[in-house]
């Protein structure tokens, strides 16, 4: 079993930056891809970014490219999402997720709220 705990959300102004953290525990997640998703009020949950633990490959949603950076610290079993130049449309609950042996995202955190005011 994997437990994921997000932190770092908050209320910021447009143009500000935030760094979200996702601490994993329960078992090592070193073999699995980790991702960040978000869900805005009244909208479907959407993919933001992902990273492989071993290879360091990263993938981004188009709206995140150039503004967000996903990274990981294997020693701390933690994944980060650095978000710069935040926009009001980035307002959402951000979730961390881990893929399992099935290759799908099966473990999810409780989410952290990010609110960007204009």
N, C-alpha and C. Protein backbone atom coordinates (compact mmCIF):
# COMPACT_ATOMS: atom_id res chain seq x y z
N UNK A 1 0.85 -1.19 0.00
CA UNK A 1 0.00 0.00 0.00
C UNK A 1 0.89 1.25 0.00
N UNK A 2 0.43 2.26 -0.70
CA UNK A 2 1.16 3.52 -0.80
C UNK A 2 0.31 4.64 -0.23
N UNK A 3 0.90 5.46 0.57
CA UNK A 3 0.24 6.67 1.05
C UNK A 3 0.93 7.88 0.45
N UNK A 4 0.13 8.79 -0.07
CA UNK A 4 0.64 10.01 -0.69
C UNK A 4 0.05 11.21 0.04
N UNK A 5 0.91 12.14 0.42
CA UNK A 5 0.46 13.33 1.14
C UNK A 5 0.99 14.56 0.43
N UNK A 6 0.06 15.38 -0.07
CA UNK A 6 0.44 16.61 -0.75
C UNK A 6 0.51 17.76 0.25
N UNK A 7 1.32 18.73 -0.09
CA UNK A 7 1.40 19.96 0.70
C UNK A 7 1.90 21.08 -0.20
N UNK A 8 1.76 22.31 0.29
CA UNK A 8 2.31 23.45 -0.43
C UNK A 8 1.29 24.32 -1.15
N UNK A 9 0.03 23.91 -1.13
CA UNK A 9 -0.99 24.74 -1.77
C UNK A 9 -1.25 26.01 -0.99
N UNK A 10 -2.03 26.91 -1.59
CA UNK A 10 -2.36 28.15 -0.90
C UNK A 10 -3.02 29.15 -1.81
N UNK A 11 -3.17 30.36 -1.30
CA UNK A 11 -3.77 31.46 -2.05
C UNK A 11 -2.66 32.40 -2.48
N UNK A 12 -2.54 32.62 -3.79
CA UNK A 12 -1.52 33.50 -4.33
C UNK A 12 -2.15 34.41 -5.38
N UNK A 13 -1.38 35.39 -5.81
CA UNK A 13 -1.85 36.29 -6.86
C UNK A 13 -1.31 35.83 -8.22
N UNK A 14 -1.98 36.25 -9.26
CA UNK A 14 -1.53 35.93 -10.61
C UNK A 14 -0.08 36.38 -10.79
N UNK A 15 0.72 35.50 -11.40
CA UNK A 15 2.13 35.79 -11.61
C UNK A 15 3.04 35.23 -10.53
N UNK A 16 2.46 34.84 -9.40
CA UNK A 16 3.25 34.27 -8.29
C UNK A 16 3.64 32.83 -8.58
N UNK A 17 4.43 32.28 -7.65
CA UNK A 17 4.88 30.89 -7.77
C UNK A 17 4.49 30.10 -6.53
N UNK A 18 4.36 28.80 -6.71
CA UNK A 18 4.14 27.87 -5.61
C UNK A 18 4.89 26.59 -5.91
N UNK A 19 5.32 25.90 -4.86
CA UNK A 19 5.90 24.58 -5.03
C UNK A 19 5.10 23.57 -4.22
N UNK A 20 4.52 22.62 -4.92
CA UNK A 20 3.78 21.56 -4.27
C UNK A 20 4.72 20.38 -4.01
N UNK A 21 4.47 19.70 -2.91
CA UNK A 21 5.25 18.51 -2.57
C UNK A 21 4.32 17.32 -2.39
N UNK A 22 4.82 16.15 -2.71
CA UNK A 22 4.07 14.92 -2.53
C UNK A 22 5.00 13.90 -1.88
N UNK A 23 4.74 13.60 -0.63
CA UNK A 23 5.56 12.64 0.11
C UNK A 23 4.90 11.27 0.06
N UNK A 24 5.66 10.28 -0.39
CA UNK A 24 5.15 8.91 -0.50
C UNK A 24 5.68 8.06 0.63
N UNK A 25 4.84 7.20 1.15
CA UNK A 25 5.26 6.28 2.20
C UNK A 25 4.50 4.98 2.03
N UNK A 26 4.92 3.97 2.75
CA UNK A 26 4.26 2.67 2.70
C UNK A 26 5.07 1.65 1.94
N UNK A 27 5.63 2.06 0.84
CA UNK A 27 6.57 1.23 0.10
C UNK A 27 7.31 2.15 -0.85
N UNK A 28 8.42 1.69 -1.34
CA UNK A 28 9.16 2.52 -2.26
C UNK A 28 8.40 2.67 -3.58
N UNK A 29 8.43 3.84 -4.11
CA UNK A 29 7.76 4.08 -5.38
C UNK A 29 8.80 4.27 -6.48
N UNK A 30 9.99 3.77 -6.22
CA UNK A 30 11.08 4.04 -7.15
C UNK A 30 10.89 3.40 -8.52
N UNK A 31 10.01 2.43 -8.64
CA UNK A 31 9.83 1.78 -9.92
C UNK A 31 8.62 2.32 -10.69
N UNK A 32 7.93 3.27 -10.14
CA UNK A 32 6.67 3.67 -10.73
C UNK A 32 6.65 5.15 -11.10
N UNK A 33 5.90 5.44 -12.13
CA UNK A 33 5.71 6.81 -12.54
C UNK A 33 4.81 7.54 -11.54
N UNK A 34 5.15 8.79 -11.29
CA UNK A 34 4.36 9.64 -10.41
C UNK A 34 3.78 10.79 -11.23
N UNK A 35 2.62 11.25 -10.85
CA UNK A 35 2.00 12.32 -11.61
C UNK A 35 1.27 13.32 -10.75
N UNK A 36 1.04 14.47 -11.32
CA UNK A 36 0.20 15.51 -10.71
C UNK A 36 -1.02 15.71 -11.60
N UNK A 37 -2.17 15.80 -10.96
CA UNK A 37 -3.43 16.06 -11.63
C UNK A 37 -4.09 17.23 -10.91
N UNK A 38 -5.11 17.81 -11.53
CA UNK A 38 -5.85 18.87 -10.87
C UNK A 38 -7.32 18.80 -11.26
N UNK A 39 -8.15 19.33 -10.38
CA UNK A 39 -9.57 19.38 -10.65
C UNK A 39 -10.12 20.71 -10.19
N UNK A 40 -10.62 21.47 -11.14
CA UNK A 40 -11.24 22.75 -10.85
C UNK A 40 -12.73 22.54 -10.57
N UNK A 41 -13.37 23.46 -9.87
CA UNK A 41 -14.80 23.30 -9.57
C UNK A 41 -15.63 23.12 -10.83
N UNK A 42 -16.46 22.09 -10.84
CA UNK A 42 -17.34 21.85 -11.97
C UNK A 42 -16.67 21.25 -13.19
N UNK A 43 -15.40 20.89 -13.06
CA UNK A 43 -14.68 20.33 -14.20
C UNK A 43 -14.15 18.94 -13.90
N UNK A 44 -13.78 18.23 -14.97
CA UNK A 44 -13.19 16.91 -14.82
C UNK A 44 -11.75 17.05 -14.31
N UNK A 45 -11.30 16.01 -13.63
CA UNK A 45 -9.90 15.99 -13.23
C UNK A 45 -9.03 15.87 -14.47
N UNK A 46 -7.93 16.62 -14.51
CA UNK A 46 -7.09 16.60 -15.69
C UNK A 46 -5.61 16.38 -15.32
N UNK A 47 -4.90 15.79 -16.25
CA UNK A 47 -3.48 15.54 -16.09
C UNK A 47 -2.70 16.85 -16.16
N UNK A 48 -1.69 16.97 -15.31
CA UNK A 48 -0.83 18.16 -15.34
C UNK A 48 0.59 17.79 -15.76
N UNK A 49 1.19 16.84 -15.06
CA UNK A 49 2.57 16.47 -15.34
C UNK A 49 2.86 15.11 -14.72
N UNK A 50 3.90 14.43 -15.25
CA UNK A 50 4.32 13.17 -14.67
C UNK A 50 5.81 13.00 -14.83
N UNK A 51 6.36 12.08 -14.04
CA UNK A 51 7.80 11.84 -14.06
C UNK A 51 8.07 10.40 -13.71
N UNK A 52 9.04 9.81 -14.40
CA UNK A 52 9.48 8.47 -14.05
C UNK A 52 10.55 8.58 -12.99
N UNK A 53 10.52 7.68 -12.03
CA UNK A 53 11.48 7.78 -10.94
C UNK A 53 12.88 7.41 -11.38
N UNK A 54 13.03 6.43 -12.20
CA UNK A 54 14.37 5.95 -12.52
C UNK A 54 14.97 6.69 -13.71
N UNK A 55 14.17 6.92 -14.73
CA UNK A 55 14.73 7.53 -15.93
C UNK A 55 14.73 9.03 -15.93
N UNK A 56 13.87 9.64 -15.06
CA UNK A 56 13.82 11.09 -15.04
C UNK A 56 13.10 11.70 -16.23
N UNK A 57 12.37 10.89 -17.00
CA UNK A 57 11.59 11.46 -18.10
C UNK A 57 10.39 12.21 -17.53
N UNK A 58 10.06 13.34 -18.15
CA UNK A 58 8.93 14.13 -17.70
C UNK A 58 7.96 14.39 -18.84
N UNK A 59 6.70 14.56 -18.49
CA UNK A 59 5.64 14.82 -19.46
C UNK A 59 4.74 15.91 -18.90
N UNK A 60 4.25 16.79 -19.77
CA UNK A 60 3.43 17.92 -19.31
C UNK A 60 2.20 18.11 -20.17
N UNK A 61 1.14 18.56 -19.52
CA UNK A 61 -0.01 19.08 -20.25
C UNK A 61 0.44 20.35 -20.96
N UNK A 62 -0.16 20.64 -22.09
CA UNK A 62 0.29 21.80 -22.87
C UNK A 62 0.26 23.09 -22.07
N UNK A 63 -0.76 23.28 -21.24
CA UNK A 63 -0.88 24.54 -20.51
C UNK A 63 0.18 24.67 -19.41
N UNK A 64 0.81 23.55 -19.06
CA UNK A 64 1.83 23.56 -18.01
C UNK A 64 3.24 23.73 -18.57
N UNK A 65 3.42 23.45 -19.84
CA UNK A 65 4.75 23.52 -20.43
C UNK A 65 5.31 24.93 -20.34
N UNK A 66 6.54 25.03 -19.88
CA UNK A 66 7.19 26.33 -19.77
C UNK A 66 6.90 27.06 -18.47
N UNK A 67 5.90 26.64 -17.74
CA UNK A 67 5.57 27.29 -16.46
C UNK A 67 5.75 26.36 -15.27
N UNK A 68 5.45 25.09 -15.46
CA UNK A 68 5.52 24.12 -14.36
C UNK A 68 6.70 23.19 -14.58
N UNK A 69 7.29 22.75 -13.48
CA UNK A 69 8.39 21.78 -13.54
C UNK A 69 8.15 20.70 -12.50
N UNK A 70 8.12 19.46 -12.96
CA UNK A 70 7.99 18.33 -12.04
C UNK A 70 9.38 17.76 -11.78
N UNK A 71 9.64 17.40 -10.55
CA UNK A 71 10.94 16.84 -10.20
C UNK A 71 10.76 15.85 -9.06
N UNK A 72 11.83 15.12 -8.76
CA UNK A 72 11.70 14.15 -7.66
C UNK A 72 13.00 14.06 -6.88
N UNK A 73 12.86 13.69 -5.63
CA UNK A 73 13.99 13.42 -4.75
C UNK A 73 13.81 11.99 -4.26
N UNK A 74 14.53 11.07 -4.89
CA UNK A 74 14.34 9.66 -4.56
C UNK A 74 14.73 9.35 -3.12
N UNK A 75 15.72 10.04 -2.61
CA UNK A 75 16.15 9.79 -1.24
C UNK A 75 15.05 10.13 -0.24
N UNK A 76 14.23 11.11 -0.60
CA UNK A 76 13.14 11.52 0.28
C UNK A 76 11.80 10.92 -0.14
N UNK A 77 11.80 10.14 -1.22
CA UNK A 77 10.56 9.56 -1.74
C UNK A 77 9.50 10.64 -1.95
N UNK A 78 9.93 11.73 -2.55
CA UNK A 78 9.08 12.91 -2.69
C UNK A 78 9.11 13.43 -4.12
N UNK A 79 7.95 13.85 -4.59
CA UNK A 79 7.82 14.47 -5.91
C UNK A 79 7.37 15.91 -5.71
N UNK A 80 7.88 16.80 -6.56
CA UNK A 80 7.55 18.22 -6.45
C UNK A 80 6.91 18.72 -7.74
N UNK A 81 6.14 19.77 -7.61
CA UNK A 81 5.63 20.48 -8.77
C UNK A 81 5.87 21.96 -8.53
N UNK A 82 6.86 22.50 -9.22
CA UNK A 82 7.14 23.93 -9.16
C UNK A 82 6.26 24.63 -10.17
N UNK A 83 5.46 25.56 -9.70
CA UNK A 83 4.53 26.26 -10.57
C UNK A 83 4.87 27.75 -10.58
N UNK A 84 5.23 28.26 -11.74
CA UNK A 84 5.57 29.67 -11.90
C UNK A 84 4.55 30.37 -12.78
N UNK A 85 4.55 31.68 -12.72
CA UNK A 85 3.65 32.48 -13.56
C UNK A 85 2.22 31.96 -13.46
N UNK A 86 1.75 31.77 -12.25
CA UNK A 86 0.43 31.20 -12.04
C UNK A 86 -0.66 32.12 -12.58
N UNK A 87 -1.72 31.49 -13.09
CA UNK A 87 -2.85 32.21 -13.66
C UNK A 87 -4.12 31.83 -12.89
N UNK A 88 -5.14 32.67 -12.93
CA UNK A 88 -6.39 32.32 -12.25
C UNK A 88 -6.96 30.98 -12.71
N UNK A 89 -6.73 30.63 -13.98
CA UNK A 89 -7.25 29.35 -14.48
C UNK A 89 -6.49 28.15 -13.95
N UNK A 90 -5.40 28.38 -13.21
CA UNK A 90 -4.70 27.28 -12.55
C UNK A 90 -5.36 26.91 -11.22
N UNK A 91 -6.34 27.69 -10.81
CA UNK A 91 -7.04 27.42 -9.56
C UNK A 91 -7.71 26.05 -9.62
N UNK A 92 -7.39 25.20 -8.64
CA UNK A 92 -7.90 23.83 -8.61
C UNK A 92 -7.39 23.13 -7.37
N UNK A 93 -7.93 21.95 -7.12
CA UNK A 93 -7.33 21.05 -6.15
C UNK A 93 -6.32 20.21 -6.91
N UNK A 94 -5.10 20.17 -6.42
CA UNK A 94 -4.03 19.44 -7.08
C UNK A 94 -3.80 18.12 -6.34
N UNK A 95 -3.75 17.05 -7.11
CA UNK A 95 -3.59 15.71 -6.56
C UNK A 95 -2.30 15.08 -7.07
N UNK A 96 -1.65 14.36 -6.18
CA UNK A 96 -0.50 13.55 -6.52
C UNK A 96 -0.98 12.12 -6.70
N UNK A 97 -0.39 11.40 -7.64
CA UNK A 97 -0.80 10.02 -7.89
C UNK A 97 0.41 9.17 -8.26
N UNK A 98 0.28 7.89 -7.98
CA UNK A 98 1.34 6.94 -8.30
C UNK A 98 0.77 5.78 -9.11
N UNK A 99 1.50 5.39 -10.14
CA UNK A 99 1.06 4.21 -10.88
C UNK A 99 1.41 2.96 -10.09
N UNK A 100 0.64 1.90 -10.34
CA UNK A 100 0.93 0.63 -9.71
C UNK A 100 1.43 -0.36 -10.75
N UNK A 101 1.44 -1.62 -10.39
CA UNK A 101 1.94 -2.65 -11.30
C UNK A 101 1.09 -2.77 -12.55
N UNK A 102 -0.16 -2.33 -12.47
CA UNK A 102 -1.06 -2.42 -13.63
C UNK A 102 -0.71 -1.37 -14.69
N UNK A 103 0.10 -0.38 -14.30
CA UNK A 103 0.44 0.69 -15.23
C UNK A 103 -0.54 1.83 -15.22
N UNK A 104 -1.51 1.77 -14.34
CA UNK A 104 -2.46 2.87 -14.21
C UNK A 104 -2.25 3.56 -12.87
N UNK A 105 -2.77 4.78 -12.77
CA UNK A 105 -2.67 5.51 -11.51
C UNK A 105 -3.67 4.91 -10.52
N UNK A 106 -3.14 4.30 -9.48
CA UNK A 106 -4.01 3.62 -8.52
C UNK A 106 -3.93 4.21 -7.12
N UNK A 107 -2.89 4.94 -6.83
CA UNK A 107 -2.74 5.55 -5.52
C UNK A 107 -2.85 7.05 -5.66
N UNK A 108 -3.67 7.66 -4.80
CA UNK A 108 -3.94 9.09 -4.89
C UNK A 108 -3.81 9.74 -3.51
N UNK A 109 -3.35 10.97 -3.51
CA UNK A 109 -3.32 11.75 -2.28
C UNK A 109 -4.67 12.40 -2.04
N UNK A 110 -4.75 13.16 -0.96
CA UNK A 110 -6.01 13.79 -0.59
C UNK A 110 -6.22 15.12 -1.30
N UNK A 111 -5.17 15.65 -1.90
CA UNK A 111 -5.27 16.90 -2.64
C UNK A 111 -4.88 18.11 -1.83
N UNK A 112 -4.42 19.14 -2.52
CA UNK A 112 -4.09 20.42 -1.89
C UNK A 112 -4.65 21.53 -2.77
N UNK A 113 -5.29 22.50 -2.12
CA UNK A 113 -5.98 23.56 -2.85
C UNK A 113 -4.99 24.64 -3.29
N UNK A 114 -5.08 24.99 -4.55
CA UNK A 114 -4.32 26.13 -5.09
C UNK A 114 -5.34 27.13 -5.62
N UNK A 115 -5.27 28.35 -5.11
CA UNK A 115 -6.17 29.40 -5.55
C UNK A 115 -5.34 30.59 -6.03
N UNK A 116 -5.58 31.00 -7.27
CA UNK A 116 -4.84 32.10 -7.86
C UNK A 116 -5.81 33.25 -8.11
N UNK A 117 -5.57 34.37 -7.46
CA UNK A 117 -6.45 35.52 -7.63
C UNK A 117 -5.91 36.43 -8.72
N UNK A 118 -6.82 37.13 -9.38
CA UNK A 118 -6.41 38.01 -10.48
C UNK A 118 -6.09 39.41 -9.99
